[in-house]
Protein backbone atom coordinates (compact mmCIF):
# COMPACT_ATOMS: atom_id res chain seq x y z
CA MET A 1 24.18 -24.79 3.01
CA ARG A 2 24.82 -21.34 1.56
CA SER A 3 25.60 -22.76 -1.89
CA PHE A 4 22.54 -24.98 -1.66
CA SER A 5 20.21 -22.07 -0.88
CA ASN A 6 21.77 -19.82 -3.52
CA TYR A 7 21.98 -22.20 -6.46
CA VAL A 8 20.61 -25.69 -5.89
CA LEU A 9 17.32 -24.75 -4.25
CA PRO A 10 16.15 -22.35 -7.01
CA VAL A 11 17.00 -24.98 -9.64
CA LEU A 12 15.06 -27.65 -7.75
CA ILE A 13 12.03 -25.38 -7.47
CA LEU A 14 12.20 -24.62 -11.20
CA LEU A 15 12.43 -28.32 -12.09
CA ALA A 16 9.50 -29.11 -9.78
CA VAL A 17 7.33 -26.43 -11.42
CA LEU A 18 8.25 -27.55 -14.94
CA GLY A 19 7.72 -31.21 -14.06
CA THR A 20 4.29 -30.49 -12.57
CA TRP A 21 3.40 -28.44 -15.63
CA GLU A 22 4.48 -31.26 -17.97
CA VAL A 23 2.54 -33.93 -16.10
CA TYR A 24 -0.58 -31.78 -15.77
CA VAL A 25 -0.74 -31.08 -19.52
CA TYR A 26 -0.51 -34.77 -20.41
CA ILE A 27 -2.88 -36.00 -17.68
CA LYS A 28 -5.54 -33.44 -18.59
CA GLU A 29 -4.82 -33.91 -22.33
CA ILE A 30 -4.73 -30.16 -22.88
CA PRO A 31 -4.25 -29.24 -26.57
CA HIS A 32 -0.86 -27.76 -27.32
CA PHE A 33 -2.42 -24.68 -28.94
CA ILE A 34 -3.91 -23.84 -25.52
CA LEU A 35 -1.09 -24.82 -23.16
CA PRO A 36 2.02 -26.55 -24.55
CA PRO A 37 4.16 -28.66 -22.19
CA PRO A 38 7.65 -27.41 -21.28
CA SER A 39 9.23 -30.12 -23.45
CA LYS A 40 7.45 -28.70 -26.50
CA ILE A 41 8.62 -25.19 -25.61
CA VAL A 42 12.22 -26.37 -25.27
CA VAL A 43 12.02 -28.01 -28.70
CA THR A 44 10.66 -24.76 -30.13
CA LEU A 45 13.51 -22.81 -28.53
CA PHE A 46 16.01 -24.96 -30.43
CA GLU A 47 14.08 -25.18 -33.70
CA GLU A 48 13.33 -21.44 -33.84
CA HIS A 49 16.59 -20.21 -32.33
CA ASP A 50 17.55 -18.20 -35.41
CA ARG A 51 14.26 -16.29 -35.42
CA LEU A 52 14.31 -15.87 -31.66
CA LEU A 53 17.87 -14.53 -31.72
CA LYS A 54 16.97 -12.07 -34.48
CA HIS A 55 14.01 -10.66 -32.57
CA SER A 56 15.84 -10.80 -29.24
CA TRP A 57 18.59 -8.59 -30.64
CA VAL A 58 16.02 -5.96 -31.63
CA THR A 59 14.41 -6.00 -28.18
CA LEU A 60 17.81 -5.94 -26.47
CA GLN A 61 18.79 -2.78 -28.34
CA GLU A 62 15.55 -1.10 -27.29
CA MET A 63 16.07 -2.10 -23.66
CA LEU A 64 19.69 -0.96 -23.47
CA LEU A 65 19.07 2.35 -25.25
CA GLY A 66 16.01 3.06 -23.10
CA PHE A 67 17.93 2.21 -19.94
CA ALA A 68 20.89 4.38 -20.99
CA LEU A 69 18.56 7.30 -21.74
CA ALA A 70 16.82 6.96 -18.37
CA VAL A 71 20.15 6.85 -16.49
CA SER A 72 21.71 9.73 -18.42
CA VAL A 73 18.70 11.93 -17.64
CA GLY A 74 17.59 10.51 -14.29
CA VAL A 75 20.89 10.63 -12.35
CA PRO A 76 21.78 14.26 -13.23
CA LEU A 77 18.18 15.29 -12.54
CA ALA A 78 18.29 13.61 -9.11
CA VAL A 79 21.58 15.39 -8.32
CA LEU A 80 20.12 18.75 -9.33
CA MET A 81 16.97 18.09 -7.30
CA PHE A 82 19.13 17.32 -4.28
CA GLU A 83 21.45 20.30 -4.66
CA PHE A 84 18.60 22.73 -5.38
CA PRO A 85 15.52 21.95 -3.25
CA ILE A 86 13.38 24.26 -5.34
CA LEU A 87 13.93 21.90 -8.29
CA GLU A 88 12.86 18.94 -6.15
CA LYS A 89 9.63 20.72 -5.30
CA ALA A 90 9.11 21.57 -8.96
CA PHE A 91 9.93 18.22 -10.57
CA TYR A 92 9.14 15.60 -7.91
CA PRO A 93 5.35 15.58 -8.58
CA TYR A 94 6.04 15.00 -12.27
CA VAL A 95 8.46 12.15 -11.51
CA ILE A 96 5.73 10.48 -9.44
CA GLY A 97 3.12 11.30 -12.05
CA SER A 98 5.16 9.58 -14.76
CA GLN A 99 4.36 6.27 -13.05
CA THR A 100 0.67 6.88 -12.39
CA VAL A 101 -0.30 7.05 -16.07
CA PRO A 102 -0.94 3.57 -17.55
CA VAL A 103 1.84 2.71 -19.98
CA PHE A 104 -0.66 1.40 -22.53
CA ALA A 105 -2.13 4.90 -22.67
CA ILE A 106 1.25 6.42 -23.50
CA ALA A 107 2.46 3.83 -26.02
CA PRO A 108 0.12 4.81 -28.91
CA LEU A 109 1.08 8.46 -28.48
CA LEU A 110 4.78 7.63 -28.61
CA VAL A 111 4.22 5.72 -31.84
CA VAL A 112 2.44 8.76 -33.31
CA TRP A 113 5.20 11.13 -32.16
CA PHE A 114 8.27 8.99 -32.86
CA GLY A 115 7.04 6.58 -35.53
CA PHE A 116 7.05 2.79 -35.77
CA GLY A 117 10.83 2.56 -35.57
CA ILE A 118 13.07 1.93 -32.60
CA ALA A 119 12.71 5.45 -31.14
CA SER A 120 9.20 4.93 -29.74
CA LYS A 121 10.25 1.66 -28.04
CA VAL A 122 13.35 3.30 -26.56
CA MET A 123 11.24 6.12 -25.15
CA MET A 124 8.77 3.66 -23.65
CA ALA A 125 11.55 1.68 -21.98
CA ALA A 126 13.11 4.93 -20.69
CA ILE A 127 9.81 6.06 -19.16
CA ILE A 128 9.46 2.73 -17.35
CA VAL A 129 13.02 2.90 -15.95
CA PHE A 130 13.16 6.63 -15.23
CA PHE A 131 11.22 6.58 -11.94
CA SER A 132 13.36 3.97 -10.19
CA ILE A 133 16.59 5.71 -11.22
CA VAL A 134 15.57 9.17 -10.03
CA LEU A 135 13.98 8.02 -6.78
CA THR A 136 16.79 5.72 -5.65
CA THR A 137 19.50 8.23 -6.58
CA LEU A 138 17.74 11.00 -4.67
CA ASP A 139 17.26 8.76 -1.61
CA GLY A 140 20.92 7.74 -1.78
CA LEU A 141 22.12 11.34 -1.83
CA LYS A 142 19.90 12.14 1.15
CA SER A 143 21.30 9.20 3.14
CA THR A 144 24.79 10.74 3.47
CA ASP A 145 26.07 10.87 7.04
CA PRO A 146 25.80 14.53 8.15
CA ASP A 147 28.81 14.18 10.44
CA THR A 148 30.97 13.18 7.48
CA VAL A 149 29.70 16.18 5.51
CA ASP A 150 30.48 18.48 8.46
CA LEU A 151 33.99 17.04 8.66
CA PHE A 152 34.61 17.82 4.98
CA LYS A 153 33.26 21.33 5.50
CA ILE A 154 35.70 21.82 8.39
CA LEU A 155 38.47 20.74 6.02
CA ARG A 156 37.20 23.45 3.64
CA ALA A 157 36.06 21.06 0.95
CA SER A 158 34.02 22.67 -1.80
CA ARG A 159 30.42 21.76 -2.54
CA TRP A 160 31.56 19.85 -5.61
CA GLN A 161 34.19 17.92 -3.62
CA ILE A 162 31.61 16.94 -0.99
CA LEU A 163 29.26 15.78 -3.71
CA TRP A 164 31.92 13.79 -5.57
CA LYS A 165 33.87 12.41 -2.59
CA VAL A 166 31.08 11.82 -0.08
CA ARG A 167 27.53 11.96 -1.39
CA ILE A 168 27.90 10.04 -4.65
CA PRO A 169 29.90 7.13 -3.11
CA THR A 170 27.24 6.92 -0.40
CA ALA A 171 24.50 6.95 -3.02
CA LEU A 172 26.11 4.29 -5.24
CA PRO A 173 24.38 1.31 -3.56
CA PHE A 174 21.03 3.07 -4.01
CA ILE A 175 21.82 3.97 -7.62
CA PHE A 176 22.74 0.39 -8.46
CA SER A 177 19.62 -0.91 -6.71
CA GLY A 178 17.55 1.34 -8.94
CA ALA A 179 19.62 0.34 -11.96
CA LYS A 180 19.07 -3.38 -11.31
CA ILE A 181 15.34 -2.79 -10.97
CA GLY A 182 15.31 -0.58 -14.04
CA ILE A 183 17.28 -2.93 -16.30
CA SER A 184 14.89 -5.74 -15.36
CA ILE A 185 11.67 -3.85 -16.00
CA SER A 186 12.96 -2.24 -19.19
CA THR A 187 11.64 -5.38 -20.88
CA ILE A 188 8.12 -4.16 -20.08
CA GLY A 189 8.55 -0.88 -21.90
CA ALA A 190 10.21 -2.45 -24.94
CA VAL A 191 7.58 -5.17 -25.33
CA ILE A 192 4.62 -2.85 -24.83
CA GLY A 193 6.04 -0.55 -27.48
CA GLU A 194 6.37 -3.51 -29.85
CA TRP A 195 2.81 -4.60 -29.14
CA VAL A 196 1.47 -1.20 -30.16
CA GLY A 197 3.39 -1.03 -33.41
CA ALA A 198 6.50 -2.80 -34.65
CA SER A 199 7.82 -5.09 -37.37
CA ALA A 200 10.44 -6.86 -35.24
CA GLY A 201 11.22 -7.73 -31.63
CA LEU A 202 10.05 -10.34 -29.16
CA GLY A 203 6.83 -8.44 -28.48
CA PHE A 204 6.04 -8.43 -32.19
CA LEU A 205 6.89 -12.14 -32.38
CA MET A 206 4.51 -12.88 -29.49
CA LEU A 207 1.62 -11.15 -31.25
CA TYR A 208 2.38 -12.91 -34.52
CA ALA A 209 2.65 -16.34 -32.90
CA ASN A 210 -0.53 -15.77 -30.89
CA SER A 211 -2.47 -14.87 -34.04
CA THR A 212 -1.38 -18.14 -35.67
CA LEU A 213 -2.05 -20.19 -32.49
CA GLU A 214 1.66 -21.05 -32.14
CA VAL A 215 1.43 -20.88 -28.35
CA ASP A 216 4.69 -22.79 -27.95
CA LEU A 217 6.44 -19.98 -29.86
CA VAL A 218 4.75 -17.41 -27.62
CA PHE A 219 6.19 -19.16 -24.56
CA ALA A 220 9.57 -19.46 -26.27
CA ALA A 221 9.57 -15.69 -26.83
CA ILE A 222 8.58 -15.14 -23.19
CA PHE A 223 11.43 -17.39 -22.02
CA SER A 224 13.85 -15.52 -24.30
CA LEU A 225 12.69 -12.24 -22.80
CA THR A 226 13.20 -13.68 -19.32
CA PHE A 227 16.73 -14.76 -20.23
CA LEU A 228 17.49 -11.25 -21.45
CA GLY A 229 16.25 -9.71 -18.22
CA LEU A 230 18.16 -12.15 -16.02
CA GLY A 231 21.33 -11.75 -18.05
CA LEU A 232 21.24 -7.97 -17.86
CA PHE A 233 20.49 -8.14 -14.13
CA ALA A 234 23.54 -10.36 -13.64
CA ILE A 235 25.74 -7.99 -15.64
CA MET A 236 24.51 -5.05 -13.58
CA SER A 237 25.30 -6.97 -10.38
CA LEU A 238 28.85 -7.56 -11.63
CA LEU A 239 29.21 -3.87 -12.42
CA GLU A 240 28.00 -3.10 -8.91
CA PHE A 241 30.76 -5.22 -7.35
CA TRP A 242 33.31 -3.69 -9.70
CA ALA A 243 32.27 -0.14 -8.85
CA MET A 244 32.01 -0.81 -5.10
CA PRO A 245 34.70 -3.34 -4.13
CA TRP A 246 34.45 -2.26 -0.50
CA ARG A 247 30.95 -3.78 -0.26
CA LYS A 248 32.34 -7.17 -1.27
CA ARG A 249 35.00 -6.89 1.43
CA GLN A 250 32.34 -5.96 3.98
CA LYS A 251 30.26 -9.01 3.08
CA ASN A 252 33.29 -11.28 3.35
CA THR A 253 34.10 -9.79 6.75
CA GLN A 254 30.54 -10.35 7.96
CA THR A 255 30.64 -13.94 6.71
CA ILE A 256 33.86 -14.61 8.62
């Protein structure tokens, strides 16, 4: 039953949705330039795989670099905000404010500041990911058991040792939760950046295909973007189990 709910059921739901979509398009005789059937999209995925791979590679680089930038800035900032409350009071409103501004309003400015190259797309992806990384890391550090911290203080552990041995391991599940969210939504930042100004990438390919009424290619690009997001989410989940093997043992114990 567990395997069925984890693997078989999602596949059945996907097949049911695609089958309904296919039948609906043919029964209603909807033109393919308005809504192509899934079979047409699958054919396009195979026929245009070279072009899709080329543009997917560009978007993947933007996503990974943006994610890496957000993590490299967000995690240290969250640690500093936790260790020095005055920094939390100073920076927390700006962290929240970074998510209240519509991303479409920021994208043209980033293109002006960083040009039409990859830098503006990386910055857009980093801005999208930054909030989830900082917030989850900060919440994780605050969730440390105070009794454990007191025990380490009794043992004369330094502030750095408490941070490294107690707080960060406690915060790891929160950090990886934010990382999994961030790596998934990094697609949004990369694609929006490509929509504003780019010469390559899946977002650019979507705009080009839409202008030529190649709607099947638009859907193929969307599916490729979805595959990228799911693949990166799966990789991040594997890294989570590798970094926290004790969580896997806990789940196995609970299952038994």
